[in-house]
Structure formats: structure tokens, C-alpha cells
Amino acid sequence: IDFMISVGMRPVVVHGGGKSITAAMKSLGTEAQWVHGQRVTDAATMDVVSRVLIDEVGQNLCGLMKEAGRSAAPLNGRDHRFLRAIKKTLPEYPDADLGFVGEPVAIDGVLVDRALEEGQVPMIAPVACGCGHDAAQLYNINGDTASALIAADLHAEKLVFFTDTAGIYMDKDDPESRISHLCADQIPEHMKNGVIQGGMIPKVEASLFALKAGVHKAHIVPAKQDHALLLEIFTRQGIGTEIVL
């Protein structure tokens, strides 16, 4: 589980599956292609992404949820038209073509409300369908970006990212330098000096998008820590990084 969105104590889960996608592509003898630092998704790769995220990772998570005594409702753009997107472009590189990489623009919130009313946990795969005449096309969506849009549209209380690291550190080599509370106006300086870098950048940018859209708080917490969410929310210093406007 990569992301959890809290809607009035009713959790909504957005999951990724990057490692599983990479493994599936490797088994097919396919290597990832990159354009200006962006992963390219051709038709064959989109088929792999859709199958892995929806039919494998998503179904596995739903099964684990059932074992834990809670029913999950899988949602995605392929089977439910839940998430919709337009083709992503790079304005600074107008000739670049990322293939079937999308920018999410809308969700069908009614499907989430229905699942929550029935006591189910929405389990969302970041695979989107197109809009209008492009509706039949599927798009690969960055999970951070998808979760921010979904949290904003659902008017969520919190957006929580589960990651391999316990939040943001002033010094990545010093476990005592974790930033437990981060205000939005501090982010540009941390971006500039490299405190926020690599895979943490899209998570922080997604957090800012969600916060500016009305989500109250964003959190980045360690996925492998038992009871991570409870420890982050109900202890003074938490165990990750809390981001607020």
C-alpha cells in the first residue's frame, strides 16, 4: 500500500506496484525507456501496467484485506472509469512523446461514496482511462499525482504516503535529523539545498497540491514500521514528516 487517504475516518487506499511492473517487464525481456527523466509507456508496457496493477497487485491487496476481516472495493480506470486522464506532455520539451503516460484530471467520486456506505475500503489502482473521444485509451498514472487529485476531490482530512524512508531528513545519513513538522513555505529552500530530492520530490509536490485544494494535512511515514499511522498521528513527534500549509 503506497498511499492512504483519510475521509472522515473512512480510509481510501491508492496502491502502486512499480517493483512488480519492473519484474514483469524484465521477465518479458523489456527494458524501461526514458525521455528527459520521464518513463515512457508504449502500448505493450501499458498492457503490463494494467495487468500487474489491477489484476495482480490490486487483487492481492483485496484478498489481504478480506483476510483481515474487511471487504475492499477495487476501483480503476479500466474496469470502472473511476480515474480519468489526458495525455501527459512536457511543455519544456514539446517534441517529447511519453506514450501512454497520463495526467489525471477527474474521478468518479460516487463510486467511492458507494463503497464507503457499504462498509468497503476503496482500493484504487492508478490506471486511468481517457476523456471524450479518447475514452477507450488507458493511461499509466504516477501514483503520487493520482493520490493528490483523489484526496482533493474527496475533500479528505489527510493524505498519507507510505514510503521506504521515515519521512524527510535534513541529513539523509543522520537518523536524528528527521523533520517531524514541515510548513509549505519551507519547501522551496529545502528543494534548493537538496534536503528534498529524488523520489521525495513528487510526494512533496503532491502534498502541496492536496493541501492547497483543502486537504488539512499530509504525512510521509515509513511503510515497514508497525502501527506507523497511529504513531504518526497520536504521538507528539510522530515517526514521519507532517506537512501543512
Protein backbone atom coordinates (compact mmCIF):
# COMPACT_ATOMS: atom_id res chain seq x y z
CA ILE A 1 0.00 0.00 0.00
CA ASP A 2 1.59 3.27 -1.06
CA PHE A 3 -0.97 5.89 -0.15
CA MET A 4 -3.90 6.18 2.19
CA ILE A 5 -6.40 9.00 2.09
CA SER A 6 -8.48 9.63 5.19
CA VAL A 7 -12.02 10.84 4.55
CA GLY A 8 -13.67 11.45 7.93
CA MET A 9 -12.06 8.31 9.42
CA ARG A 10 -13.06 6.32 6.35
CA PRO A 11 -9.86 5.14 4.64
CA VAL A 12 -9.37 5.17 0.89
CA VAL A 13 -6.31 3.32 -0.41
CA VAL A 14 -4.33 4.15 -3.55
CA HIS A 15 -1.73 1.49 -4.29
CA GLY A 16 1.27 1.35 -6.59
CA GLY A 17 3.25 -1.60 -7.87
CA GLY A 18 6.38 -0.27 -9.50
CA LYS A 19 8.62 -3.16 -8.44
CA SER A 20 6.11 -5.73 -9.69
CA ILE A 21 5.82 -3.90 -13.02
CA THR A 22 9.61 -3.81 -13.40
CA ALA A 23 9.81 -7.55 -12.63
CA ALA A 24 7.07 -8.35 -15.14
CA MET A 25 8.76 -6.31 -17.86
CA LYS A 26 12.10 -7.97 -17.12
CA SER A 27 10.52 -11.40 -17.47
CA LEU A 28 9.33 -10.35 -20.92
CA GLY A 29 12.76 -9.10 -21.88
CA THR A 30 11.61 -5.47 -21.96
CA GLU A 31 13.65 -2.58 -20.59
CA ALA A 32 12.26 0.75 -19.45
CA GLN A 33 12.74 3.72 -21.77
CA TRP A 34 13.22 7.27 -20.55
CA VAL A 35 12.76 10.69 -22.15
CA HIS A 36 14.12 13.72 -20.27
CA GLY A 37 13.94 11.78 -17.00
CA GLN A 38 10.37 10.59 -17.61
CA ARG A 39 9.47 6.93 -18.08
CA VAL A 40 7.90 6.16 -21.46
CA THR A 41 4.86 3.87 -21.60
CA ASP A 42 4.29 2.29 -25.02
CA ALA A 43 1.30 0.07 -25.85
CA ALA A 44 3.00 -3.15 -24.73
CA THR A 45 4.12 -1.58 -21.46
CA MET A 46 0.63 -0.20 -20.84
CA ASP A 47 -0.75 -3.74 -21.11
CA VAL A 48 1.76 -4.89 -18.49
CA VAL A 49 1.00 -1.93 -16.20
CA SER A 50 -2.74 -2.54 -16.40
CA ARG A 51 -2.45 -6.29 -15.77
CA VAL A 52 0.02 -6.00 -12.90
CA LEU A 53 -1.62 -3.10 -11.05
CA ILE A 54 -5.23 -4.19 -11.43
CA ASP A 55 -5.26 -7.97 -11.83
CA GLU A 56 -2.30 -8.87 -9.65
CA VAL A 57 -1.35 -6.26 -7.04
CA GLY A 58 -4.86 -4.88 -6.60
CA GLN A 59 -6.50 -8.30 -6.32
CA ASN A 60 -3.82 -9.44 -3.88
CA LEU A 61 -4.42 -6.43 -1.66
CA CYS A 62 -8.17 -7.02 -1.75
CA GLY A 63 -7.53 -10.61 -0.67
CA LEU A 64 -5.32 -9.50 2.21
CA MET A 65 -7.99 -7.02 3.26
CA LYS A 66 -10.55 -9.83 3.32
CA GLU A 67 -8.25 -11.97 5.47
CA ALA A 68 -8.05 -9.05 7.89
CA GLY A 69 -11.84 -9.02 8.15
CA ARG A 70 -12.63 -6.05 5.92
CA SER A 71 -14.08 -6.00 2.43
CA ALA A 72 -12.33 -3.96 -0.28
CA ALA A 73 -13.79 -2.44 -3.45
CA PRO A 74 -11.27 -2.35 -6.33
CA LEU A 75 -11.53 0.78 -8.47
CA ASN A 76 -9.60 1.85 -11.57
CA GLY A 77 -9.99 3.48 -14.96
CA ARG A 78 -10.07 0.24 -16.94
CA ASP A 79 -12.99 -1.56 -15.33
CA HIS A 80 -14.94 1.30 -13.74
CA ARG A 81 -13.85 4.52 -15.49
CA PHE A 82 -13.13 5.73 -11.96
CA LEU A 83 -9.99 7.68 -12.81
CA ARG A 84 -9.78 9.79 -16.00
CA ALA A 85 -6.76 11.44 -17.55
CA ILE A 86 -5.35 13.32 -20.51
CA LYS A 87 -2.08 12.53 -22.25
CA LYS A 88 0.85 14.00 -20.35
CA THR A 89 3.14 16.39 -22.19
CA LEU A 90 6.36 18.16 -21.25
CA PRO A 91 5.89 21.87 -22.08
CA GLU A 92 9.63 22.48 -21.94
CA TYR A 93 10.16 19.67 -24.49
CA PRO A 94 7.26 19.98 -26.97
CA ASP A 95 8.64 17.25 -29.26
CA ALA A 96 8.94 14.66 -26.48
CA ASP A 97 6.42 11.80 -26.50
CA LEU A 98 5.92 9.83 -23.29
CA GLY A 99 3.47 7.44 -24.91
CA PHE A 100 0.54 6.42 -22.72
CA VAL A 101 1.53 8.38 -19.64
CA GLY A 102 -1.38 10.42 -18.36
CA GLU A 103 -2.13 13.44 -16.23
CA PRO A 104 -5.15 12.70 -14.00
CA VAL A 105 -7.95 15.23 -14.29
CA ALA A 106 -11.09 13.71 -12.72
CA ILE A 107 -12.53 10.87 -10.67
CA ASP A 108 -15.98 9.36 -10.19
CA GLY A 109 -16.45 10.14 -6.51
CA VAL A 110 -19.86 8.43 -6.47
CA LEU A 111 -18.10 5.05 -6.67
CA VAL A 112 -16.04 5.87 -3.57
CA ASP A 113 -19.09 7.09 -1.65
CA ARG A 114 -20.99 3.93 -2.56
CA ALA A 115 -18.16 1.68 -1.40
CA LEU A 116 -17.76 3.53 1.88
CA GLU A 117 -21.50 3.45 2.55
CA GLU A 118 -21.38 -0.33 2.10
CA GLY A 119 -18.56 -0.62 4.61
CA GLN A 120 -15.90 -1.35 1.99
CA VAL A 121 -12.42 0.12 1.65
CA PRO A 122 -11.91 1.60 -1.86
CA MET A 123 -8.73 0.03 -3.30
CA ILE A 124 -7.60 2.23 -6.19
CA ALA A 125 -5.08 1.31 -8.88
CA PRO A 126 -3.52 4.35 -10.66
CA VAL A 127 -4.62 3.29 -14.12
CA ALA A 128 -6.84 5.84 -15.88
CA CYS A 129 -8.99 5.94 -18.97
CA GLY A 130 -9.01 8.85 -21.38
CA CYS A 131 -11.60 11.58 -21.73
CA GLY A 132 -14.13 12.18 -24.52
CA HIS A 133 -13.12 10.64 -27.84
CA ASP A 134 -10.06 9.19 -26.07
CA ALA A 135 -12.15 7.27 -23.53
CA ALA A 136 -11.06 3.81 -24.70
CA GLN A 137 -7.37 4.52 -24.17
CA LEU A 138 -5.72 3.56 -20.87
CA TYR A 139 -3.04 5.70 -19.26
CA ASN A 140 -0.30 4.99 -16.76
CA ILE A 141 -0.57 7.49 -13.90
CA ASN A 142 2.03 8.50 -11.34
CA GLY A 143 0.67 7.23 -8.04
CA ASP A 144 1.68 10.34 -6.09
CA THR A 145 -0.13 12.59 -8.54
CA ALA A 146 -3.20 10.34 -8.61
CA SER A 147 -3.46 10.21 -4.82
CA ALA A 148 -3.26 14.01 -4.53
CA LEU A 149 -6.08 14.52 -7.05
CA ILE A 150 -8.22 11.85 -5.40
CA ALA A 151 -7.66 13.31 -1.92
CA ALA A 152 -8.55 16.78 -3.17
CA ASP A 153 -11.71 15.67 -4.97
CA LEU A 154 -12.89 13.66 -1.96
CA HIS A 155 -12.23 16.56 0.45
CA ALA A 156 -10.07 14.25 2.53
CA GLU A 157 -8.89 15.12 6.01
CA LYS A 158 -5.44 13.62 5.49
CA LEU A 159 -3.22 12.33 2.71
CA VAL A 160 -0.67 9.75 3.89
CA PHE A 161 2.27 8.44 1.87
CA PHE A 162 3.84 5.14 2.96
CA THR A 163 7.47 5.05 1.83
CA ASP A 164 10.77 3.20 2.33
CA THR A 165 12.10 6.07 4.44
CA ALA A 166 10.74 7.58 7.63
CA GLY A 167 9.96 10.99 6.20
CA ILE A 168 12.28 13.85 5.24
CA TYR A 169 15.72 14.35 6.82
CA MET A 170 17.92 17.43 7.00
CA ASP A 171 20.81 14.97 6.56
CA LYS A 172 19.90 11.67 4.94
CA ASP A 173 22.78 9.98 6.78
CA ASP A 174 21.68 11.20 10.21
CA PRO A 175 18.58 9.40 11.57
CA GLU A 176 18.28 12.06 14.27
CA SER A 177 17.73 14.83 11.69
CA ARG A 178 14.20 13.82 10.68
CA ILE A 179 11.90 16.78 10.08
CA SER A 180 8.73 15.93 12.03
CA HIS A 181 6.79 19.08 11.03
CA LEU A 182 7.22 20.90 7.72
CA CYS A 183 5.44 24.09 6.63
CA ALA A 184 4.80 24.72 2.95
CA ASP A 185 6.81 27.95 2.95
CA GLN A 186 9.92 25.98 3.98
CA ILE A 187 9.72 23.64 0.99
CA PRO A 188 11.34 25.85 -1.73
CA GLU A 189 14.51 26.27 0.33
CA HIS A 190 14.67 22.54 1.11
CA MET A 191 14.22 21.80 -2.59
CA LYS A 192 17.01 24.23 -3.46
CA ASN A 193 19.53 22.87 -0.96
CA GLY A 194 18.80 19.21 -1.71
CA VAL A 195 17.10 18.24 1.54
CA ILE A 196 14.08 17.24 -0.57
CA GLN A 197 15.37 15.24 -3.51
CA GLY A 198 14.83 12.19 -5.70
CA GLY A 199 11.62 10.24 -5.14
CA MET A 200 10.65 12.54 -2.28
CA ILE A 201 10.08 15.46 -4.67
CA PRO A 202 6.87 14.14 -6.31
CA LYS A 203 5.47 13.20 -2.89
CA VAL A 204 6.07 16.69 -1.53
CA GLU A 205 4.66 18.29 -4.69
CA ALA A 206 1.60 16.05 -4.46
CA SER A 207 1.20 17.00 -0.80
CA LEU A 208 1.27 20.70 -1.70
CA PHE A 209 -1.35 20.20 -4.41
CA ALA A 210 -3.65 18.40 -1.97
CA LEU A 211 -3.13 20.94 0.82
CA LYS A 212 -3.87 23.88 -1.46
CA ALA A 213 -7.05 22.09 -2.56
CA GLY A 214 -8.30 21.84 1.02
CA VAL A 215 -6.83 18.64 2.46
CA HIS A 216 -5.85 19.52 6.04
CA LYS A 217 -2.58 17.62 6.43
CA ALA A 218 -0.20 15.39 4.51
CA HIS A 219 2.10 12.81 6.10
CA ILE A 220 5.08 10.82 4.85
CA VAL A 221 5.60 7.74 7.04
CA PRO A 222 7.70 4.54 6.98
CA ALA A 223 5.79 1.66 5.41
CA LYS A 224 7.68 -1.07 7.31
CA GLN A 225 7.04 0.39 10.75
CA ASP A 226 4.29 -1.41 12.69
CA HIS A 227 1.36 0.85 13.55
CA ALA A 228 3.01 3.65 11.56
CA LEU A 229 -0.15 5.69 11.05
CA LEU A 230 -1.18 5.56 14.71
CA LEU A 231 2.31 6.52 15.86
CA GLU A 232 2.46 9.40 13.39
CA ILE A 233 -0.92 10.85 14.29
CA PHE A 234 -1.18 10.19 18.03
CA THR A 235 2.34 10.95 19.30
CA ARG A 236 3.86 14.41 19.72
CA GLN A 237 6.83 13.99 17.37
CA GLY A 238 5.32 11.28 15.19
CA ILE A 239 7.53 8.89 13.24
CA GLY A 240 7.47 10.57 9.84
CA THR A 241 7.08 14.05 8.39
CA GLU A 242 3.87 16.05 8.68
CA ILE A 243 3.33 18.71 6.01
CA VAL A 244 0.95 21.65 6.44
CA LEU A 245 0.29 24.98 4.73
